[in-house]
Amino acid sequence: MIIDSLDNAHKYFTVNSYFEEAFAYISSVDLAGIEPGKYEIDGDNLRAIFSDKTGMSAAESILKFECHDKHIDIQLCIRGKETIGWKPRGSCLAQKGEYNPEKDVLFYNDAPDTYFGLTDGQFAIFFPEDVHAPMIGEEEIKKLVIKVKI
């Protein structure tokens, strides 16, 4: 997992071959004005999902404590205050159902080991080994998730 601000995004371009393109997309769109929805960036390699909704309780978010096998998530807080729960996948013991290959998601019944906060212009990058519970908060959170193919 990586936590940082957009000012430092260039430091991560070499981590994955699509990261530079993903962060170029972020800097090219009107983050404040874009409508919620799904946007194609580069076919199946990069997809953007914009949301603008009220955060949820930690208990609600943990119900979908998730990780992915085929994608890395770049989760950017555009506006608001978001808390995210995290735990290393190798420490999770209670798998919840089976992996869904169509949605590239696996859920766990475990609880996060730690929580951290993001606010305007800060992002977290979740790799397949990062189980995460996002969108925890009491107010409106405008957010972008970029799905990066591995």
N, C-alpha and C. Protein backbone atom coordinates (compact mmCIF):
# COMPACT_ATOMS: atom_id res chain seq x y z
N MET A 1 0.84 -1.17 0.00
CA MET A 1 0.00 0.00 0.00
C MET A 1 0.89 1.23 0.00
N ILE A 2 0.41 2.24 -0.69
CA ILE A 2 1.08 3.54 -0.74
C ILE A 2 0.05 4.60 -0.35
N ILE A 3 0.45 5.54 0.48
CA ILE A 3 -0.39 6.69 0.83
C ILE A 3 0.44 7.94 0.56
N ASP A 4 -0.14 8.88 -0.21
CA ASP A 4 0.61 10.09 -0.54
C ASP A 4 -0.35 11.15 -1.08
N SER A 5 0.22 12.24 -1.56
CA SER A 5 -0.59 13.31 -2.16
C SER A 5 -0.24 13.43 -3.64
N LEU A 6 -1.13 14.04 -4.40
CA LEU A 6 -0.93 14.16 -5.85
C LEU A 6 0.38 14.88 -6.20
N ASP A 7 0.85 15.77 -5.33
CA ASP A 7 2.12 16.46 -5.59
C ASP A 7 3.28 15.49 -5.76
N ASN A 8 3.17 14.30 -5.17
CA ASN A 8 4.25 13.32 -5.23
C ASN A 8 3.96 12.14 -6.16
N ALA A 9 2.90 12.22 -6.94
CA ALA A 9 2.50 11.09 -7.79
C ALA A 9 3.62 10.63 -8.71
N HIS A 10 4.43 11.56 -9.20
CA HIS A 10 5.51 11.21 -10.14
C HIS A 10 6.49 10.20 -9.55
N LYS A 11 6.57 10.10 -8.26
CA LYS A 11 7.50 9.17 -7.61
C LYS A 11 7.10 7.71 -7.83
N TYR A 12 5.86 7.47 -8.26
CA TYR A 12 5.35 6.11 -8.36
C TYR A 12 5.16 5.65 -9.80
N PHE A 13 5.59 6.44 -10.77
CA PHE A 13 5.40 6.08 -12.18
C PHE A 13 6.06 4.76 -12.54
N THR A 14 7.15 4.41 -11.89
CA THR A 14 7.87 3.18 -12.24
C THR A 14 7.35 1.94 -11.50
N VAL A 15 6.42 2.13 -10.59
CA VAL A 15 5.90 0.99 -9.82
C VAL A 15 5.08 0.06 -10.71
N ASN A 16 4.34 0.64 -11.63
CA ASN A 16 3.50 -0.12 -12.56
C ASN A 16 3.52 0.60 -13.90
N SER A 17 3.51 -0.13 -14.98
CA SER A 17 3.63 0.49 -16.31
C SER A 17 2.46 1.41 -16.66
N TYR A 18 1.33 1.30 -15.96
CA TYR A 18 0.18 2.15 -16.25
C TYR A 18 0.03 3.34 -15.30
N PHE A 19 0.85 3.42 -14.28
CA PHE A 19 0.69 4.49 -13.29
C PHE A 19 0.88 5.88 -13.88
N GLU A 20 1.85 6.06 -14.74
CA GLU A 20 2.06 7.38 -15.32
C GLU A 20 0.83 7.83 -16.10
N GLU A 21 0.27 6.92 -16.88
CA GLU A 21 -0.94 7.24 -17.65
C GLU A 21 -2.13 7.52 -16.72
N ALA A 22 -2.23 6.77 -15.64
CA ALA A 22 -3.32 6.97 -14.68
C ALA A 22 -3.23 8.36 -14.04
N PHE A 23 -2.05 8.74 -13.61
CA PHE A 23 -1.90 10.06 -12.97
C PHE A 23 -1.99 11.19 -14.00
N ALA A 24 -1.61 10.93 -15.25
CA ALA A 24 -1.80 11.94 -16.30
C ALA A 24 -3.30 12.17 -16.52
N TYR A 25 -4.07 11.09 -16.48
CA TYR A 25 -5.53 11.22 -16.60
C TYR A 25 -6.08 12.08 -15.46
N ILE A 26 -5.63 11.80 -14.25
CA ILE A 26 -6.10 12.56 -13.09
C ILE A 26 -5.84 14.05 -13.28
N SER A 27 -4.67 14.38 -13.79
CA SER A 27 -4.34 15.81 -13.95
C SER A 27 -5.03 16.43 -15.16
N SER A 28 -5.61 15.62 -16.03
CA SER A 28 -6.23 16.14 -17.25
C SER A 28 -7.74 16.39 -17.12
N VAL A 29 -8.36 15.87 -16.07
CA VAL A 29 -9.81 16.01 -15.94
C VAL A 29 -10.16 17.05 -14.88
N ASP A 30 -11.35 17.60 -15.01
CA ASP A 30 -11.86 18.55 -14.03
C ASP A 30 -12.42 17.74 -12.86
N LEU A 31 -11.58 17.46 -11.88
CA LEU A 31 -11.98 16.61 -10.77
C LEU A 31 -13.17 17.17 -10.00
N ALA A 32 -13.22 18.48 -9.87
CA ALA A 32 -14.31 19.10 -9.11
C ALA A 32 -15.63 19.03 -9.86
N GLY A 33 -15.59 19.04 -11.19
CA GLY A 33 -16.81 19.14 -11.97
C GLY A 33 -17.28 17.86 -12.63
N ILE A 34 -16.47 16.84 -12.65
CA ILE A 34 -16.85 15.62 -13.36
C ILE A 34 -18.03 14.92 -12.68
N GLU A 35 -18.90 14.37 -13.48
CA GLU A 35 -20.09 13.68 -12.98
C GLU A 35 -19.72 12.28 -12.48
N PRO A 36 -20.39 11.82 -11.43
CA PRO A 36 -20.17 10.44 -10.98
C PRO A 36 -20.46 9.46 -12.12
N GLY A 37 -19.70 8.38 -12.15
CA GLY A 37 -19.90 7.36 -13.17
C GLY A 37 -18.60 6.66 -13.49
N LYS A 38 -18.69 5.78 -14.49
CA LYS A 38 -17.53 4.99 -14.93
C LYS A 38 -17.03 5.56 -16.24
N TYR A 39 -15.71 5.67 -16.35
CA TYR A 39 -15.08 6.24 -17.54
C TYR A 39 -13.93 5.33 -17.98
N GLU A 40 -13.88 5.05 -19.27
CA GLU A 40 -12.78 4.27 -19.82
C GLU A 40 -11.60 5.21 -20.07
N ILE A 41 -10.43 4.79 -19.66
CA ILE A 41 -9.21 5.57 -19.89
C ILE A 41 -8.37 4.90 -20.97
N ASP A 42 -8.10 3.60 -20.79
CA ASP A 42 -7.26 2.85 -21.71
C ASP A 42 -7.78 1.41 -21.77
N GLY A 43 -8.92 1.25 -22.41
CA GLY A 43 -9.50 -0.09 -22.56
C GLY A 43 -9.64 -0.80 -21.23
N ASP A 44 -9.21 -2.05 -21.18
CA ASP A 44 -9.29 -2.84 -19.96
C ASP A 44 -8.13 -2.55 -19.01
N ASN A 45 -7.16 -1.77 -19.48
CA ASN A 45 -5.98 -1.51 -18.67
C ASN A 45 -6.21 -0.47 -17.57
N LEU A 46 -7.02 0.54 -17.87
CA LEU A 46 -7.29 1.63 -16.91
C LEU A 46 -8.75 2.04 -17.02
N ARG A 47 -9.44 2.02 -15.89
CA ARG A 47 -10.82 2.48 -15.82
C ARG A 47 -10.98 3.40 -14.63
N ALA A 48 -11.77 4.44 -14.79
CA ALA A 48 -12.02 5.40 -13.72
C ALA A 48 -13.44 5.28 -13.22
N ILE A 49 -13.60 5.34 -11.91
CA ILE A 49 -14.92 5.32 -11.30
C ILE A 49 -14.99 6.53 -10.35
N PHE A 50 -15.86 7.48 -10.70
CA PHE A 50 -16.05 8.67 -9.87
C PHE A 50 -17.31 8.48 -9.04
N SER A 51 -17.24 8.84 -7.76
CA SER A 51 -18.41 8.80 -6.90
C SER A 51 -18.46 10.07 -6.07
N ASP A 52 -19.65 10.41 -5.65
CA ASP A 52 -19.87 11.57 -4.80
C ASP A 52 -21.05 11.23 -3.91
N LYS A 53 -20.75 10.74 -2.71
CA LYS A 53 -21.83 10.29 -1.83
C LYS A 53 -21.41 10.40 -0.37
N THR A 54 -22.38 10.27 0.49
CA THR A 54 -22.12 10.31 1.92
C THR A 54 -21.36 9.07 2.35
N GLY A 55 -20.36 9.26 3.19
CA GLY A 55 -19.59 8.14 3.71
C GLY A 55 -20.46 7.22 4.55
N MET A 56 -19.89 6.12 4.96
CA MET A 56 -20.62 5.13 5.75
C MET A 56 -19.88 4.87 7.06
N SER A 57 -20.52 4.13 7.92
CA SER A 57 -19.89 3.77 9.19
C SER A 57 -18.80 2.72 8.92
N ALA A 58 -17.90 2.58 9.87
CA ALA A 58 -16.85 1.56 9.75
C ALA A 58 -17.49 0.17 9.67
N ALA A 59 -18.52 -0.06 10.46
CA ALA A 59 -19.19 -1.38 10.44
C ALA A 59 -19.77 -1.69 9.06
N GLU A 60 -20.36 -0.69 8.41
CA GLU A 60 -20.91 -0.90 7.06
C GLU A 60 -19.80 -1.20 6.06
N SER A 61 -18.72 -0.45 6.13
CA SER A 61 -17.62 -0.62 5.19
C SER A 61 -16.95 -1.98 5.35
N ILE A 62 -16.78 -2.41 6.59
CA ILE A 62 -16.11 -3.68 6.86
C ILE A 62 -16.91 -4.87 6.31
N LEU A 63 -18.22 -4.69 6.13
CA LEU A 63 -19.01 -5.76 5.52
C LEU A 63 -18.51 -6.10 4.12
N LYS A 64 -17.84 -5.14 3.48
CA LYS A 64 -17.26 -5.37 2.15
C LYS A 64 -15.75 -5.14 2.20
N PHE A 65 -15.10 -5.75 3.18
CA PHE A 65 -13.65 -5.69 3.35
C PHE A 65 -13.05 -6.48 2.20
N GLU A 66 -12.44 -5.79 1.23
CA GLU A 66 -12.18 -6.37 -0.08
C GLU A 66 -10.72 -6.28 -0.52
N CYS A 67 -10.41 -7.14 -1.50
CA CYS A 67 -9.14 -7.06 -2.22
C CYS A 67 -9.38 -7.56 -3.64
N HIS A 68 -8.37 -7.39 -4.48
CA HIS A 68 -8.51 -7.72 -5.90
C HIS A 68 -7.29 -8.52 -6.36
N ASP A 69 -7.49 -9.39 -7.32
CA ASP A 69 -6.40 -10.20 -7.87
C ASP A 69 -5.81 -9.62 -9.14
N LYS A 70 -6.64 -9.01 -9.98
CA LYS A 70 -6.21 -8.60 -11.32
C LYS A 70 -6.03 -7.10 -11.48
N HIS A 71 -6.35 -6.33 -10.43
CA HIS A 71 -6.25 -4.87 -10.53
C HIS A 71 -5.63 -4.27 -9.28
N ILE A 72 -4.99 -3.16 -9.47
CA ILE A 72 -4.52 -2.30 -8.40
C ILE A 72 -5.50 -1.14 -8.34
N ASP A 73 -5.87 -0.71 -7.16
CA ASP A 73 -6.74 0.46 -6.99
C ASP A 73 -5.89 1.68 -6.66
N ILE A 74 -6.07 2.75 -7.43
CA ILE A 74 -5.60 4.06 -7.01
C ILE A 74 -6.85 4.78 -6.53
N GLN A 75 -6.95 5.05 -5.23
CA GLN A 75 -8.13 5.68 -4.66
C GLN A 75 -7.76 7.09 -4.22
N LEU A 76 -8.36 8.07 -4.90
CA LEU A 76 -8.08 9.48 -4.67
C LEU A 76 -9.26 10.16 -4.00
N CYS A 77 -9.01 10.83 -2.90
CA CYS A 77 -10.04 11.66 -2.27
C CYS A 77 -10.00 13.02 -2.95
N ILE A 78 -11.05 13.34 -3.67
CA ILE A 78 -11.13 14.62 -4.38
C ILE A 78 -11.59 15.71 -3.42
N ARG A 79 -12.61 15.39 -2.63
CA ARG A 79 -13.15 16.37 -1.68
C ARG A 79 -13.78 15.62 -0.51
N GLY A 80 -13.47 16.06 0.69
CA GLY A 80 -14.06 15.47 1.88
C GLY A 80 -13.00 14.87 2.78
N LYS A 81 -13.46 14.09 3.72
CA LYS A 81 -12.58 13.38 4.64
C LYS A 81 -13.01 11.92 4.67
N GLU A 82 -12.13 11.07 4.20
CA GLU A 82 -12.42 9.64 4.10
C GLU A 82 -11.48 8.87 5.01
N THR A 83 -12.03 7.92 5.72
CA THR A 83 -11.23 6.99 6.51
C THR A 83 -11.29 5.64 5.80
N ILE A 84 -10.16 4.95 5.80
CA ILE A 84 -10.07 3.64 5.14
C ILE A 84 -9.43 2.66 6.12
N GLY A 85 -10.03 1.48 6.23
CA GLY A 85 -9.45 0.40 7.02
C GLY A 85 -8.56 -0.46 6.14
N TRP A 86 -7.50 -1.02 6.73
CA TRP A 86 -6.54 -1.81 5.96
C TRP A 86 -5.99 -2.96 6.80
N LYS A 87 -5.69 -4.05 6.09
CA LYS A 87 -5.02 -5.19 6.71
C LYS A 87 -4.29 -5.95 5.61
N PRO A 88 -3.10 -6.48 5.88
CA PRO A 88 -2.43 -7.27 4.85
C PRO A 88 -3.21 -8.56 4.58
N ARG A 89 -3.32 -8.89 3.32
CA ARG A 89 -4.09 -10.08 2.92
C ARG A 89 -3.55 -11.34 3.58
N GLY A 90 -2.25 -11.41 3.73
CA GLY A 90 -1.64 -12.59 4.35
C GLY A 90 -2.04 -12.79 5.80
N SER A 91 -2.55 -11.76 6.44
CA SER A 91 -3.00 -11.85 7.83
C SER A 91 -4.49 -12.12 7.96
N CYS A 92 -5.22 -12.08 6.85
CA CYS A 92 -6.66 -12.33 6.89
C CYS A 92 -6.92 -13.83 6.95
N LEU A 93 -7.83 -14.22 7.81
CA LEU A 93 -8.10 -15.64 8.03
C LEU A 93 -9.51 -16.05 7.66
N ALA A 94 -10.44 -15.11 7.60
CA ALA A 94 -11.86 -15.46 7.43
C ALA A 94 -12.37 -15.01 6.06
N GLN A 95 -12.06 -15.80 5.03
CA GLN A 95 -12.55 -15.48 3.69
C GLN A 95 -14.07 -15.55 3.68
N LYS A 96 -14.69 -14.60 3.00
CA LYS A 96 -16.15 -14.50 2.94
C LYS A 96 -16.58 -14.84 1.53
N GLY A 97 -17.02 -16.06 1.31
CA GLY A 97 -17.41 -16.49 -0.02
C GLY A 97 -16.20 -16.78 -0.89
N GLU A 98 -16.47 -16.90 -2.17
CA GLU A 98 -15.43 -17.21 -3.15
C GLU A 98 -15.03 -15.96 -3.92
N TYR A 99 -13.87 -16.00 -4.49
CA TYR A 99 -13.40 -14.93 -5.36
C TYR A 99 -14.33 -14.81 -6.56
N ASN A 100 -14.73 -13.58 -6.91
CA ASN A 100 -15.59 -13.33 -8.07
C ASN A 100 -14.70 -12.81 -9.20
N PRO A 101 -14.37 -13.67 -10.18
CA PRO A 101 -13.47 -13.24 -11.26
C PRO A 101 -14.06 -12.16 -12.17
N GLU A 102 -15.38 -12.15 -12.32
CA GLU A 102 -16.01 -11.14 -13.18
C GLU A 102 -15.88 -9.74 -12.58
N LYS A 103 -15.99 -9.65 -11.27
CA LYS A 103 -15.88 -8.35 -10.59
C LYS A 103 -14.49 -8.15 -9.99
N ASP A 104 -13.64 -9.15 -10.10
CA ASP A 104 -12.30 -9.11 -9.53
C ASP A 104 -12.34 -8.66 -8.07
N VAL A 105 -13.08 -9.42 -7.26
CA VAL A 105 -13.17 -9.05 -5.85
C VAL A 105 -13.27 -10.30 -4.98
N LEU A 106 -12.62 -10.21 -3.84
CA LEU A 106 -12.70 -11.23 -2.80
C LEU A 106 -12.93 -10.49 -1.49
N PHE A 107 -13.87 -10.98 -0.69
CA PHE A 107 -14.21 -10.34 0.58
C PHE A 107 -13.70 -11.18 1.74
N TYR A 108 -13.48 -10.49 2.85
CA TYR A 108 -13.06 -11.14 4.09
C TYR A 108 -13.95 -10.68 5.24
N ASN A 109 -14.13 -11.56 6.23
CA ASN A 109 -14.85 -11.22 7.45
C ASN A 109 -13.93 -10.67 8.53
N ASP A 110 -12.66 -10.56 8.24
CA ASP A 110 -11.70 -10.02 9.20
C ASP A 110 -11.96 -8.54 9.45
N ALA A 111 -11.31 -8.01 10.47
CA ALA A 111 -11.37 -6.57 10.77
C ALA A 111 -10.03 -5.93 10.39
N PRO A 112 -10.06 -4.68 9.99
CA PRO A 112 -8.80 -4.00 9.67
C PRO A 112 -7.85 -3.96 10.86
N ASP A 113 -6.57 -3.97 10.57
CA ASP A 113 -5.53 -3.78 11.60
C ASP A 113 -5.35 -2.31 11.92
N THR A 114 -5.59 -1.47 10.92
CA THR A 114 -5.34 -0.04 11.09
C THR A 114 -6.31 0.75 10.24
N TYR A 115 -6.47 2.00 10.62
CA TYR A 115 -7.29 2.95 9.86
C TYR A 115 -6.45 4.18 9.58
N PHE A 116 -6.67 4.80 8.44
CA PHE A 116 -5.99 6.05 8.11
C PHE A 116 -6.96 6.94 7.36
N GLY A 117 -6.64 8.22 7.31
CA GLY A 117 -7.52 9.18 6.68
C GLY A 117 -6.93 9.77 5.42
N LEU A 118 -7.79 10.10 4.47
CA LEU A 118 -7.43 10.83 3.27
C LEU A 118 -8.31 12.07 3.19
N THR A 119 -7.77 13.14 2.63
CA THR A 119 -8.55 14.33 2.36
C THR A 119 -8.14 14.86 0.99
N ASP A 120 -8.63 16.01 0.63
CA ASP A 120 -8.47 16.57 -0.72
C ASP A 120 -7.07 16.40 -1.30
N GLY A 121 -7.00 15.72 -2.44
CA GLY A 121 -5.74 15.57 -3.16
C GLY A 121 -4.82 14.48 -2.63
N GLN A 122 -5.30 13.68 -1.70
CA GLN A 122 -4.49 12.57 -1.18
C GLN A 122 -5.02 11.26 -1.75
N PHE A 123 -4.12 10.30 -1.94
CA PHE A 123 -4.51 9.02 -2.52
C PHE A 123 -3.88 7.87 -1.77
N ALA A 124 -4.48 6.70 -1.97
CA ALA A 124 -3.92 5.43 -1.50
C ALA A 124 -3.90 4.49 -2.69
N ILE A 125 -2.86 3.69 -2.76
CA ILE A 125 -2.76 2.67 -3.81
C ILE A 125 -2.80 1.32 -3.12
N PHE A 126 -3.78 0.51 -3.53
CA PHE A 126 -3.96 -0.81 -2.95
C PHE A 126 -3.59 -1.87 -3.97
N PHE A 127 -2.66 -2.72 -3.60
CA PHE A 127 -2.21 -3.84 -4.42
C PHE A 127 -3.01 -5.08 -4.02
N PRO A 128 -2.87 -6.19 -4.77
CA PRO A 128 -3.65 -7.39 -4.43
C PRO A 128 -3.46 -7.87 -2.99
N GLU A 129 -2.34 -7.56 -2.38
CA GLU A 129 -2.10 -8.01 -1.00
C GLU A 129 -2.68 -7.07 0.06
N ASP A 130 -3.40 -6.03 -0.38
CA ASP A 130 -3.98 -5.05 0.54
C ASP A 130 -5.49 -5.20 0.62
N VAL A 131 -5.99 -5.65 1.76
CA VAL A 131 -7.43 -5.74 1.97
C VAL A 131 -7.87 -4.40 2.55
N HIS A 132 -8.92 -3.83 1.99
CA HIS A 132 -9.29 -2.47 2.36
C HIS A 132 -10.80 -2.29 2.51
N ALA A 133 -11.14 -1.34 3.39
CA ALA A 133 -12.54 -0.99 3.68
C ALA A 133 -12.64 0.53 3.53
N PRO A 134 -13.03 1.02 2.34
CA PRO A 134 -13.04 2.46 2.07
C PRO A 134 -14.36 3.14 2.41
N MET A 135 -14.39 4.43 2.15
CA MET A 135 -15.60 5.28 2.23
C MET A 135 -16.17 5.41 3.63
N ILE A 136 -15.33 5.35 4.64
CA ILE A 136 -15.80 5.56 6.01
C ILE A 136 -15.78 7.07 6.27
N GLY A 137 -16.90 7.59 6.68
CA GLY A 137 -17.00 9.02 6.96
C GLY A 137 -18.44 9.41 7.20
N GLU A 138 -18.62 10.62 7.72
CA GLU A 138 -19.96 11.08 8.06
C GLU A 138 -20.50 12.12 7.08
N GLU A 139 -19.64 12.67 6.24
CA GLU A 139 -20.04 13.72 5.32
C GLU A 139 -19.89 13.23 3.88
N GLU A 140 -20.18 14.14 2.93
CA GLU A 140 -20.02 13.83 1.51
C GLU A 140 -18.54 13.61 1.18
N ILE A 141 -18.28 12.58 0.39
CA ILE A 141 -16.93 12.27 -0.07
C ILE A 141 -16.98 12.16 -1.59
N LYS A 142 -16.23 13.02 -2.25
CA LYS A 142 -16.09 12.91 -3.71
C LYS A 142 -14.78 12.17 -3.94
N LYS A 143 -14.86 11.10 -4.73
CA LYS A 143 -13.75 10.17 -4.81
C LYS A 143 -13.57 9.65 -6.23
N LEU A 144 -12.35 9.32 -6.55
CA LEU A 144 -12.01 8.66 -7.80
C LEU A 144 -11.27 7.36 -7.47
N VAL A 145 -11.71 6.29 -8.09
CA VAL A 145 -10.98 5.02 -8.04
C VAL A 145 -10.56 4.70 -9.46
N ILE A 146 -9.26 4.53 -9.66
CA ILE A 146 -8.77 4.06 -10.95
C ILE A 146 -8.35 2.62 -10.80
N LYS A 147 -8.96 1.77 -11.62
CA LYS A 147 -8.62 0.35 -11.65
C LYS A 147 -7.48 0.17 -12.66
N VAL A 148 -6.35 -0.29 -12.16
CA VAL A 148 -5.15 -0.47 -12.97
C VAL A 148 -4.91 -1.96 -13.14
N LYS A 149 -4.91 -2.40 -14.39
CA LYS A 149 -4.68 -3.83 -14.65
C LYS A 149 -3.24 -4.20 -14.31
N ILE A 150 -3.09 -5.35 -13.70
CA ILE A 150 -1.75 -5.84 -13.34
C ILE A 150 -1.11 -6.48 -14.56
